[in-house]
Protein backbone atom coordinates (compact mmCIF):
# COMPACT_ATOMS: atom_id res chain seq x y z
CA MET A 1 2.98 -36.01 -0.62
CA TYR A 2 4.23 -32.50 -0.07
CA THR A 3 6.87 -31.08 2.25
CA PHE A 4 4.35 -29.83 4.82
CA VAL A 5 1.19 -31.80 3.94
CA ALA A 6 0.73 -35.56 3.55
CA ASP A 7 -2.67 -35.36 1.85
CA LYS A 8 -4.73 -32.55 0.30
CA LEU A 9 -7.49 -33.18 2.85
CA ASP A 10 -5.23 -32.90 5.91
CA VAL A 11 -6.35 -30.09 8.21
CA ALA A 12 -2.97 -29.67 9.90
CA TYR A 13 0.60 -29.36 8.68
CA LEU A 14 3.09 -32.19 9.19
CA SER A 15 5.58 -29.71 10.63
CA ALA A 16 5.84 -25.99 11.19
CA ILE A 17 6.52 -23.87 8.12
CA PRO A 18 9.63 -21.75 8.74
CA GLU A 19 8.76 -18.08 9.26
CA ASN A 20 10.30 -16.59 6.09
CA HIS A 21 9.88 -19.67 3.90
CA GLN A 22 8.64 -18.93 0.38
CA LEU A 23 6.09 -21.67 -0.30
CA GLN A 24 6.39 -23.62 -3.51
CA GLU A 25 4.05 -26.16 -5.08
CA CYS A 26 6.18 -29.01 -3.70
CA ASP A 27 5.49 -27.71 -0.16
CA VAL A 28 1.69 -27.62 -0.16
CA PRO A 29 -1.11 -28.54 -2.60
CA GLU A 30 -1.79 -26.20 -5.52
CA GLU A 31 -5.21 -25.43 -4.05
CA GLU A 32 -3.58 -24.00 -0.95
CA MET A 33 -1.27 -21.82 -3.03
CA GLU A 34 -4.34 -20.52 -4.87
CA LEU A 35 -6.32 -20.00 -1.68
CA ARG A 36 -3.49 -18.08 -0.02
CA GLU A 37 -3.43 -15.70 -2.98
CA ILE A 38 -7.21 -15.34 -3.05
CA VAL A 39 -7.43 -14.66 0.70
CA GLU A 40 -4.70 -12.02 0.39
CA VAL A 41 -6.54 -10.30 -2.48
CA TRP A 42 -9.86 -10.51 -0.58
CA TYR A 43 -8.27 -8.99 2.51
CA GLU A 44 -6.42 -6.18 0.73
CA SER A 45 -9.00 -5.34 -1.96
CA ALA A 46 -12.31 -6.08 -0.29
CA PHE A 47 -12.20 -6.34 3.50
CA LEU A 48 -9.59 -3.73 4.41
CA PRO A 49 -10.95 -0.94 2.16
CA ALA A 50 -14.51 -1.57 3.40
CA PHE A 51 -13.34 -1.57 7.02
CA ASN A 52 -11.20 1.56 6.64
CA LEU A 53 -13.92 3.40 4.75
CA GLN A 54 -16.11 3.19 7.85
CA LYS A 55 -13.46 5.05 9.88
CA ILE A 56 -12.96 8.06 7.59
CA ASP A 57 -15.10 11.09 6.93
CA ILE A 58 -15.14 12.12 3.26
CA GLU A 59 -17.58 13.91 1.03
CA ASN A 60 -18.65 10.99 -1.19
CA LYS A 61 -18.53 8.34 1.53
CA ALA A 62 -22.02 7.01 0.81
CA GLU A 63 -21.28 6.34 -2.87
CA LEU A 64 -17.88 4.82 -2.11
CA THR A 65 -19.42 2.63 0.58
CA VAL A 66 -21.97 1.23 -1.89
CA VAL A 67 -19.23 0.45 -4.43
CA GLN A 68 -16.89 -1.06 -1.85
CA MET A 69 -19.62 -3.19 -0.29
CA HIS A 70 -20.38 -4.53 -3.78
CA VAL A 71 -16.69 -5.46 -4.19
CA PHE A 72 -16.69 -7.00 -0.70
CA SER A 73 -19.82 -9.02 -1.44
CA ASN A 74 -18.54 -10.31 -4.79
CA ASP A 75 -15.11 -11.26 -3.46
CA THR A 76 -16.63 -12.91 -0.38
CA SER A 77 -19.00 -14.89 -2.60
CA THR A 78 -16.06 -16.10 -4.68
CA LEU A 79 -14.22 -17.19 -1.55
CA ALA A 80 -17.34 -18.91 -0.18
CA PHE A 81 -17.84 -20.74 -3.48
CA LEU A 82 -14.29 -22.11 -3.37
CA LEU A 83 -14.76 -23.23 0.22
CA LYS A 84 -17.57 -25.57 -0.85
CA ASN A 85 -14.73 -27.78 -2.07
CA ARG A 86 -13.25 -30.04 0.63
CA VAL A 87 -9.68 -29.51 -0.56
CA TYR A 88 -9.97 -25.71 -0.28
CA ARG A 89 -11.64 -26.04 3.15
CA ALA A 90 -8.81 -28.27 4.34
CA ALA A 91 -6.29 -25.70 3.07
CA LEU A 92 -8.09 -22.93 4.96
CA ASN A 93 -8.15 -25.05 8.12
CA ARG A 94 -4.40 -25.54 7.85
CA MET A 95 -3.80 -21.85 7.26
CA LEU A 96 -5.98 -20.78 10.19
CA GLY A 97 -4.64 -23.51 12.44
CA ILE A 98 -1.18 -21.98 12.60
CA TRP A 99 -2.37 -18.53 13.56
CA THR A 100 -2.59 -17.54 17.18
CA PHE A 101 -4.90 -14.78 18.31
CA ILE A 102 -2.07 -12.37 19.11
CA ASP A 103 -0.38 -13.08 15.75
CA ARG A 104 -3.58 -12.12 13.98
CA ILE A 105 -3.86 -8.86 15.89
CA LEU A 106 -0.21 -7.85 15.68
CA SER A 107 0.21 -8.70 12.01
CA SER A 108 -3.12 -7.20 11.00
CA LYS A 109 -3.01 -4.09 8.87
CA LEU A 110 -6.10 -2.98 10.74
CA PHE A 111 -4.03 -1.79 13.66
CA ILE A 112 -1.09 -0.24 11.82
């Protein structure tokens, strides 16, 4: 048992995670710690650059778009592969379950 999760396959937290709490392995399963890091890397290195590239006008945009879409595809495939595992899927469900729509919009780097 962990501080916020009773079982690795739980899809909801036992209690709310405090806002500025630094998660440790005693708080949530190791798979969730890994997934949080992977999702952050995917978002910052794959999704966000691909999204932002569509909004800018630069000389070599076509070439950069091809490269960035390759990165996006590879990173998304890695994430999808991990999510075949029930423990990683449960971790993602927990992570997504605490977000509200407005939190996602306001905290998103897309709108900063």
